[in-house]
């Protein structure tokens, strides 16, 4: 992706009433904008804005509702941020509106629905593994998903792959996936790898679990860390 340094930190802005972490604190546009600017000033290299929860089992939200939450925030941030803006969505219509408002990165949680739009728009693209594999098949399923995205998105300099921590079959398979990132990527073309573990269920297995697993991801080869708290995050 178009980022000035690696490893990079992606700061999360949840413009939703049902975030599992911040519980709707940034649903008001002014609060979301202030939070985004605080993340940038704390050192975020990219700001990722999402207006609907994409966690497994989340309640359905119409595209109209998603846009009503998202557009005021993007419009207010335009011209105020000096780092790339990303939108976290599964909707091509929402992604297209976001691109028209200055977003340059599509964070696709759908498994590939936004890929054609990113190619056509010249946007950076984050392709997340969306889950759905059977028990014991996580590693092979994620590797196959990565291979499909690499084949479909030939400009690897604009591509970032995400193994989908939080969307896989179980917590132990996800920890295994982080530890085995070098093996997972073996033989693949060089590409950015995003890992997002911030406050997810598997972090409860460790003291200070978010920081511990983010550090493990960096040691394993992640180049982008997606996190709720930016200040003090490890940069190397």
C-alpha atoms as a PDB file:
ATOM      1  CA  UNK A   1       0.000   0.000   0.000  1.00  0.00           C
ATOM      2  CA  UNK A   2       0.960   3.637  -0.263  1.00  0.00           C
ATOM      3  CA  UNK A   3       2.427   4.142   3.208  1.00  0.00           C
ATOM      4  CA  UNK A   4       5.536   6.026   4.186  1.00  0.00           C
ATOM      5  CA  UNK A   5       6.980   3.426   6.569  1.00  0.00           C
ATOM      6  CA  UNK A   6       6.832  -0.216   7.510  1.00  0.00           C
ATOM      7  CA  UNK A   7       5.761  -1.526   9.927  1.00  0.00           C
ATOM      8  CA  UNK A   8       2.768   0.804   9.840  1.00  0.00           C
ATOM      9  CA  UNK A   9      -0.036   1.420  12.325  1.00  0.00           C
ATOM     10  CA  UNK A  10      -3.666   1.596  11.210  1.00  0.00           C
ATOM     11  CA  UNK A  11      -5.898   3.395  13.710  1.00  0.00           C
ATOM     12  CA  UNK A  12      -9.515   2.221  13.998  1.00  0.00           C
ATOM     13  CA  UNK A  13     -12.473   4.619  14.045  1.00  0.00           C
ATOM     14  CA  UNK A  14     -15.772   2.796  14.670  1.00  0.00           C
ATOM     15  CA  UNK A  15     -18.730   4.992  13.676  1.00  0.00           C
ATOM     16  CA  UNK A  16     -21.198   2.434  15.018  1.00  0.00           C
ATOM     17  CA  UNK A  17     -23.487   2.033  18.039  1.00  0.00           C
ATOM     18  CA  UNK A  18     -22.444  -1.575  18.655  1.00  0.00           C
ATOM     19  CA  UNK A  19     -18.656  -1.740  18.534  1.00  0.00           C
ATOM     20  CA  UNK A  20     -17.412  -4.635  20.651  1.00  0.00           C
ATOM     21  CA  UNK A  21     -14.635  -2.409  22.024  1.00  0.00           C
ATOM     22  CA  UNK A  22     -15.756   1.214  22.323  1.00  0.00           C
ATOM     23  CA  UNK A  23     -19.506   0.659  22.562  1.00  0.00           C
ATOM     24  CA  UNK A  24     -20.617   3.475  20.275  1.00  0.00           C
ATOM     25  CA  UNK A  25     -18.435   6.191  21.765  1.00  0.00           C
ATOM     26  CA  UNK A  26     -17.603   7.548  18.301  1.00  0.00           C
ATOM     27  CA  UNK A  27     -21.041   7.294  16.666  1.00  0.00           C
ATOM     28  CA  UNK A  28     -21.562  11.098  16.806  1.00  0.00           C
ATOM     29  CA  UNK A  29     -19.673  12.548  13.792  1.00  0.00           C
ATOM     30  CA  UNK A  30     -17.846  15.155  15.874  1.00  0.00           C
ATOM     31  CA  UNK A  31     -16.578  12.461  18.246  1.00  0.00           C
ATOM     32  CA  UNK A  32     -15.456  10.258  15.342  1.00  0.00           C
ATOM     33  CA  UNK A  33     -13.611  13.135  13.676  1.00  0.00           C
ATOM     34  CA  UNK A  34     -11.881  14.138  16.905  1.00  0.00           C
ATOM     35  CA  UNK A  35     -10.870  10.530  17.520  1.00  0.00           C
ATOM     36  CA  UNK A  36      -9.474  10.147  14.001  1.00  0.00           C
ATOM     37  CA  UNK A  37      -7.383  13.286  14.386  1.00  0.00           C
ATOM     38  CA  UNK A  38      -6.162  12.134  17.805  1.00  0.00           C
ATOM     39  CA  UNK A  39      -5.081   8.798  16.310  1.00  0.00           C
ATOM     40  CA  UNK A  40      -3.222  10.600  13.532  1.00  0.00           C
ATOM     41  CA  UNK A  41      -1.433  12.899  15.973  1.00  0.00           C
ATOM     42  CA  UNK A  42      -0.556   9.875  18.132  1.00  0.00           C
ATOM     43  CA  UNK A  43       1.293   8.356  15.180  1.00  0.00           C
ATOM     44  CA  UNK A  44      -1.193   6.420  13.055  1.00  0.00           C
ATOM     45  CA  UNK A  45       0.039   5.909   9.492  1.00  0.00           C
ATOM     46  CA  UNK A  46      -3.474   5.263   8.177  1.00  0.00           C
ATOM     47  CA  UNK A  47      -6.989   5.853   9.546  1.00  0.00           C
ATOM     48  CA  UNK A  48      -9.597   3.133   8.998  1.00  0.00           C
ATOM     49  CA  UNK A  49     -13.216   4.301   9.314  1.00  0.00           C
ATOM     50  CA  UNK A  50     -16.073   1.813   9.564  1.00  0.00           C
ATOM     51  CA  UNK A  51     -19.778   2.621   9.864  1.00  0.00           C
ATOM     52  CA  UNK A  52     -21.137  -0.881  10.361  1.00  0.00           C
ATOM     53  CA  UNK A  53     -19.879  -3.751  12.471  1.00  0.00           C
ATOM     54  CA  UNK A  54     -18.347  -6.525  10.388  1.00  0.00           C
ATOM     55  CA  UNK A  55     -17.837  -8.971  13.250  1.00  0.00           C
ATOM     56  CA  UNK A  56     -19.341 -12.446  12.720  1.00  0.00           C
ATOM     57  CA  UNK A  57     -23.051 -12.438  13.552  1.00  0.00           C
ATOM     58  CA  UNK A  58     -23.456  -8.660  13.520  1.00  0.00           C
ATOM     59  CA  UNK A  59     -26.955  -7.218  12.928  1.00  0.00           C
ATOM     60  CA  UNK A  60     -27.679  -6.240   9.333  1.00  0.00           C
ATOM     61  CA  UNK A  61     -27.474  -2.523   8.498  1.00  0.00           C
ATOM     62  CA  UNK A  62     -28.802  -0.975   5.298  1.00  0.00           C
ATOM     63  CA  UNK A  63     -26.402   0.783   2.935  1.00  0.00           C
ATOM     64  CA  UNK A  64     -28.380   3.977   3.511  1.00  0.00           C
ATOM     65  CA  UNK A  65     -27.825   3.785   7.264  1.00  0.00           C
ATOM     66  CA  UNK A  66     -24.151   2.970   6.786  1.00  0.00           C
ATOM     67  CA  UNK A  67     -23.681   5.956   4.459  1.00  0.00           C
ATOM     68  CA  UNK A  68     -25.580   8.268   6.812  1.00  0.00           C
ATOM     69  CA  UNK A  69     -23.070   7.440   9.536  1.00  0.00           C
ATOM     70  CA  UNK A  70     -20.004   7.486   7.309  1.00  0.00           C
ATOM     71  CA  UNK A  71     -20.363  10.462   4.966  1.00  0.00           C
ATOM     72  CA  UNK A  72     -20.415  13.267   7.592  1.00  0.00           C
ATOM     73  CA  UNK A  73     -17.210  11.879   9.087  1.00  0.00           C
ATOM     74  CA  UNK A  74     -15.393  11.570   5.767  1.00  0.00           C
ATOM     75  CA  UNK A  75     -16.529  15.026   4.663  1.00  0.00           C
ATOM     76  CA  UNK A  76     -15.329  16.564   7.917  1.00  0.00           C
ATOM     77  CA  UNK A  77     -11.957  14.793   7.738  1.00  0.00           C
ATOM     78  CA  UNK A  78     -11.259  15.840   4.163  1.00  0.00           C
ATOM     79  CA  UNK A  79      -8.344  18.235   4.140  1.00  0.00           C
ATOM     80  CA  UNK A  80      -7.622  17.676   7.838  1.00  0.00           C
ATOM     81  CA  UNK A  81      -5.718  14.397   7.667  1.00  0.00           C
ATOM     82  CA  UNK A  82      -2.224  13.987   6.284  1.00  0.00           C
ATOM     83  CA  UNK A  83      -2.318  10.172   6.228  1.00  0.00           C
ATOM     84  CA  UNK A  84      -4.334   7.868   3.966  1.00  0.00           C
ATOM     85  CA  UNK A  85      -7.990   7.257   4.800  1.00  0.00           C
ATOM     86  CA  UNK A  86      -9.402   3.753   4.589  1.00  0.00           C
ATOM     87  CA  UNK A  87     -13.014   2.586   4.690  1.00  0.00           C
ATOM     88  CA  UNK A  88     -13.943  -0.715   6.359  1.00  0.00           C
ATOM     89  CA  UNK A  89     -16.999  -2.111   4.551  1.00  0.00           C
ATOM     90  CA  UNK A  90     -18.417  -4.994   2.551  1.00  0.00           C
ATOM     91  CA  UNK A  91     -20.600  -2.818   0.299  1.00  0.00           C
ATOM     92  CA  UNK A  92     -19.441  -1.725  -3.182  1.00  0.00           C
ATOM     93  CA  UNK A  93     -21.922   1.179  -3.105  1.00  0.00           C
ATOM     94  CA  UNK A  94     -20.567   2.440   0.217  1.00  0.00           C
ATOM     95  CA  UNK A  95     -16.990   1.970  -0.984  1.00  0.00           C
ATOM     96  CA  UNK A  96     -17.691   3.989  -4.150  1.00  0.00           C
ATOM     97  CA  UNK A  97     -19.125   6.877  -2.106  1.00  0.00           C
ATOM     98  CA  UNK A  98     -16.112   6.752   0.196  1.00  0.00           C
ATOM     99  CA  UNK A  99     -13.686   6.934  -2.732  1.00  0.00           C
ATOM    100  CA  UNK A 100     -15.541  10.017  -3.984  1.00  0.00           C
ATOM    101  CA  UNK A 101     -14.897  11.653  -0.596  1.00  0.00           C
ATOM    102  CA  UNK A 102     -11.147  11.214  -0.420  1.00  0.00           C
ATOM    103  CA  UNK A 103     -10.719   7.633   0.756  1.00  0.00           C
ATOM    104  CA  UNK A 104      -7.795   5.937  -0.991  1.00  0.00           C
ATOM    105  CA  UNK A 105      -7.847   2.489   0.658  1.00  0.00           C
ATOM    106  CA  UNK A 106     -10.633  -0.112   0.577  1.00  0.00           C
ATOM    107  CA  UNK A 107     -10.565  -2.468   3.567  1.00  0.00           C
ATOM    108  CA  UNK A 108     -12.643  -5.329   2.184  1.00  0.00           C
ATOM    109  CA  UNK A 109     -14.123  -7.646   4.807  1.00  0.00           C
ATOM    110  CA  UNK A 110     -16.296  -9.485   2.272  1.00  0.00           C
ATOM    111  CA  UNK A 111     -13.793 -11.857   0.722  1.00  0.00           C
ATOM    112  CA  UNK A 112     -13.459  -9.959  -2.550  1.00  0.00           C
ATOM    113  CA  UNK A 113     -16.587  -7.971  -3.476  1.00  0.00           C
ATOM    114  CA  UNK A 114     -14.666  -4.675  -3.499  1.00  0.00           C
ATOM    115  CA  UNK A 115     -11.708  -5.927  -5.515  1.00  0.00           C
ATOM    116  CA  UNK A 116     -13.043  -4.892  -8.976  1.00  0.00           C
ATOM    117  CA  UNK A 117     -13.841  -1.414  -7.639  1.00  0.00           C
ATOM    118  CA  UNK A 118     -10.327  -1.010  -6.230  1.00  0.00           C
ATOM    119  CA  UNK A 119      -8.810  -2.103  -9.539  1.00  0.00           C
ATOM    120  CA  UNK A 120     -10.977   0.321 -11.538  1.00  0.00           C
ATOM    121  CA  UNK A 121     -10.401   3.242  -9.147  1.00  0.00           C
ATOM    122  CA  UNK A 122      -6.659   2.720  -8.663  1.00  0.00           C
ATOM    123  CA  UNK A 123      -7.232   2.434  -4.915  1.00  0.00           C
ATOM    124  CA  UNK A 124      -5.140   0.480  -2.448  1.00  0.00           C
ATOM    125  CA  UNK A 125      -6.861  -2.750  -1.448  1.00  0.00           C
ATOM    126  CA  UNK A 126      -6.861  -4.750   1.781  1.00  0.00           C
ATOM    127  CA  UNK A 127      -8.246  -8.231   1.252  1.00  0.00           C
ATOM    128  CA  UNK A 128      -9.290 -10.015   4.429  1.00  0.00           C
ATOM    129  CA  UNK A 129      -9.891 -13.728   4.733  1.00  0.00           C
ATOM    130  CA  UNK A 130     -13.606 -13.813   5.693  1.00  0.00           C
ATOM    131  CA  UNK A 131     -13.675 -17.129   7.550  1.00  0.00           C
ATOM    132  CA  UNK A 132     -15.981 -20.054   6.970  1.00  0.00           C
ATOM    133  CA  UNK A 133     -13.450 -22.892   6.936  1.00  0.00           C
ATOM    134  CA  UNK A 134     -13.990 -26.198   8.697  1.00  0.00           C
ATOM    135  CA  UNK A 135     -12.120 -27.153  11.858  1.00  0.00           C
ATOM    136  CA  UNK A 136      -8.473 -27.895  11.169  1.00  0.00           C
ATOM    137  CA  UNK A 137      -8.479 -26.197   7.748  1.00  0.00           C
ATOM    138  CA  UNK A 138      -7.607 -22.610   8.686  1.00  0.00           C
ATOM    139  CA  UNK A 139      -4.046 -22.493   7.387  1.00  0.00           C
ATOM    140  CA  UNK A 140      -4.877 -24.028   4.004  1.00  0.00           C
ATOM    141  CA  UNK A 141      -7.991 -21.871   3.594  1.00  0.00           C
ATOM    142  CA  UNK A 142      -6.149 -18.620   4.312  1.00  0.00           C
ATOM    143  CA  UNK A 143      -3.264 -19.584   2.005  1.00  0.00           C
ATOM    144  CA  UNK A 144      -5.716 -20.366  -0.814  1.00  0.00           C
ATOM    145  CA  UNK A 145      -7.497 -17.036  -0.272  1.00  0.00           C
ATOM    146  CA  UNK A 146      -4.205 -15.148  -0.434  1.00  0.00           C
ATOM    147  CA  UNK A 147      -3.255 -16.923  -3.663  1.00  0.00           C
ATOM    148  CA  UNK A 148      -6.619 -15.979  -5.236  1.00  0.00           C
ATOM    149  CA  UNK A 149      -6.207 -12.311  -4.323  1.00  0.00           C
ATOM    150  CA  UNK A 150      -2.635 -12.170  -5.603  1.00  0.00           C
ATOM    151  CA  UNK A 151      -3.757 -13.620  -8.928  1.00  0.00           C
ATOM    152  CA  UNK A 152      -6.736 -11.274  -9.221  1.00  0.00           C
ATOM    153  CA  UNK A 153      -4.925  -8.069  -8.166  1.00  0.00           C
ATOM    154  CA  UNK A 154      -1.750  -7.850 -10.257  1.00  0.00           C
ATOM    155  CA  UNK A 155      -0.498  -4.536  -8.818  1.00  0.00           C
ATOM    156  CA  UNK A 156       0.935  -6.052  -5.650  1.00  0.00           C
ATOM    157  CA  UNK A 157       2.251  -2.665  -4.536  1.00  0.00           C
ATOM    158  CA  UNK A 158      -1.364  -1.606  -3.883  1.00  0.00           C
ATOM    159  CA  UNK A 159      -2.378  -4.883  -2.256  1.00  0.00           C
ATOM    160  CA  UNK A 160      -2.411  -5.828   1.427  1.00  0.00           C
ATOM    161  CA  UNK A 161      -3.451  -9.260   2.713  1.00  0.00           C
ATOM    162  CA  UNK A 162      -5.225  -9.862   6.036  1.00  0.00           C
ATOM    163  CA  UNK A 163      -5.525 -13.379   7.523  1.00  0.00           C
ATOM    164  CA  UNK A 164      -8.811 -12.453   9.207  1.00  0.00           C
ATOM    165  CA  UNK A 165      -8.027 -12.881  12.879  1.00  0.00           C
ATOM    166  CA  UNK A 166     -11.375 -13.018  14.675  1.00  0.00           C
ATOM    167  CA  UNK A 167     -13.131 -14.612  11.689  1.00  0.00           C
ATOM    168  CA  UNK A 168     -11.437 -18.029  11.721  1.00  0.00           C
ATOM    169  CA  UNK A 169     -12.676 -21.273  13.224  1.00  0.00           C
ATOM    170  CA  UNK A 170     -11.208 -21.054  16.723  1.00  0.00           C
ATOM    171  CA  UNK A 171      -8.801 -19.050  18.852  1.00  0.00           C
ATOM    172  CA  UNK A 172      -5.963 -21.558  18.850  1.00  0.00           C
ATOM    173  CA  UNK A 173      -5.986 -21.826  15.051  1.00  0.00           C
ATOM    174  CA  UNK A 174      -5.736 -18.036  14.895  1.00  0.00           C
ATOM    175  CA  UNK A 175      -2.727 -17.933  17.209  1.00  0.00           C
ATOM    176  CA  UNK A 176      -1.161 -20.682  15.109  1.00  0.00           C
ATOM    177  CA  UNK A 177      -1.818 -18.586  12.024  1.00  0.00           C
ATOM    178  CA  UNK A 178       0.017 -15.580  13.480  1.00  0.00           C
ATOM    179  CA  UNK A 179       2.975 -17.717  14.558  1.00  0.00           C
ATOM    180  CA  UNK A 180       3.150 -19.356  11.119  1.00  0.00           C
ATOM    181  CA  UNK A 181       2.938 -16.189   9.004  1.00  0.00           C
ATOM    182  CA  UNK A 182       6.381 -16.840   7.462  1.00  0.00           C
ATOM    183  CA  UNK A 183       5.228 -20.304   6.405  1.00  0.00           C
ATOM    184  CA  UNK A 184       1.888 -18.959   5.213  1.00  0.00           C
ATOM    185  CA  UNK A 185       3.661 -16.454   2.947  1.00  0.00           C
ATOM    186  CA  UNK A 186       6.446 -18.757   1.782  1.00  0.00           C
ATOM    187  CA  UNK A 187       6.788 -18.627  -1.997  1.00  0.00           C
ATOM    188  CA  UNK A 188       4.279 -15.800  -2.453  1.00  0.00           C
ATOM    189  CA  UNK A 189       5.242 -12.461  -4.059  1.00  0.00           C
ATOM    190  CA  UNK A 190       6.258  -9.744  -1.560  1.00  0.00           C
ATOM    191  CA  UNK A 191       3.154  -7.931  -0.333  1.00  0.00           C
ATOM    192  CA  UNK A 192       1.972  -6.038   2.750  1.00  0.00           C
ATOM    193  CA  UNK A 193       0.399  -8.137   5.504  1.00  0.00           C
ATOM    194  CA  UNK A 194      -2.108  -6.626   7.925  1.00  0.00           C
ATOM    195  CA  UNK A 195      -2.899  -8.226  11.270  1.00  0.00           C
ATOM    196  CA  UNK A 196      -5.737  -6.959  13.456  1.00  0.00           C
ATOM    197  CA  UNK A 197      -6.012  -8.533  16.906  1.00  0.00           C
ATOM    198  CA  UNK A 198      -6.891  -5.453  18.944  1.00  0.00           C
ATOM    199  CA  UNK A 199      -9.177  -6.482  21.847  1.00  0.00           C
ATOM    200  CA  UNK A 200     -10.482  -9.540  20.005  1.00  0.00           C
ATOM    201  CA  UNK A 201     -11.481 -12.721  21.834  1.00  0.00           C
ATOM    202  CA  UNK A 202      -8.087 -14.432  21.595  1.00  0.00           C
ATOM    203  CA  UNK A 203      -6.331 -11.556  23.405  1.00  0.00           C
ATOM    204  CA  UNK A 204      -8.048 -12.716  26.606  1.00  0.00           C
ATOM    205  CA  UNK A 205      -5.716 -15.717  26.640  1.00  0.00           C
ATOM    206  CA  UNK A 206      -2.702 -13.545  27.567  1.00  0.00           C
ATOM    207  CA  UNK A 207      -1.867 -10.761  30.018  1.00  0.00           C
ATOM    208  CA  UNK A 208      -1.914  -7.503  28.024  1.00  0.00           C
ATOM    209  CA  UNK A 209      -3.072  -9.724  25.181  1.00  0.00           C
ATOM    210  CA  UNK A 210      -3.512  -7.066  22.505  1.00  0.00           C
ATOM    211  CA  UNK A 211       0.063  -5.803  22.807  1.00  0.00           C
ATOM    212  CA  UNK A 212       1.485  -9.307  23.166  1.00  0.00           C
ATOM    213  CA  UNK A 213      -0.171 -10.592  20.002  1.00  0.00           C
ATOM    214  CA  UNK A 214       0.591  -7.433  18.037  1.00  0.00           C
ATOM    215  CA  UNK A 215       4.250  -7.889  18.961  1.00  0.00           C
ATOM    216  CA  UNK A 216       4.077 -11.529  17.877  1.00  0.00           C
ATOM    217  CA  UNK A 217       2.519 -10.482  14.554  1.00  0.00           C
ATOM    218  CA  UNK A 218       5.345  -8.007  13.923  1.00  0.00           C
ATOM    219  CA  UNK A 219       7.968 -10.629  14.722  1.00  0.00           C
ATOM    220  CA  UNK A 220       6.236 -13.014  12.325  1.00  0.00           C
ATOM    221  CA  UNK A 221       6.351 -10.545   9.436  1.00  0.00           C
ATOM    222  CA  UNK A 222       3.231  -8.366   9.617  1.00  0.00           C
ATOM    223  CA  UNK A 223       3.825  -4.966   8.012  1.00  0.00           C
ATOM    224  CA  UNK A 224       0.582  -3.248   9.136  1.00  0.00           C
ATOM    225  CA  UNK A 225      -1.014  -3.479  12.589  1.00  0.00           C
ATOM    226  CA  UNK A 226      -4.700  -2.500  12.843  1.00  0.00           C
ATOM    227  CA  UNK A 227      -5.412  -1.321  16.376  1.00  0.00           C
ATOM    228  CA  UNK A 228      -7.711   0.743  18.569  1.00  0.00           C
ATOM    229  CA  UNK A 229      -4.935   2.414  20.597  1.00  0.00           C
ATOM    230  CA  UNK A 230      -2.123   3.978  18.599  1.00  0.00           C
ATOM    231  CA  UNK A 231       0.019   5.772  21.189  1.00  0.00           C
ATOM    232  CA  UNK A 232       2.979   3.647  22.176  1.00  0.00           C
ATOM    233  CA  UNK A 233       2.463   0.963  19.541  1.00  0.00           C
ATOM    234  CA  UNK A 234       5.693  -0.763  18.512  1.00  0.00           C
ATOM    235  CA  UNK A 235       7.084   0.533  15.220  1.00  0.00           C
ATOM    236  CA  UNK A 236       9.790  -2.036  14.808  1.00  0.00           C
END
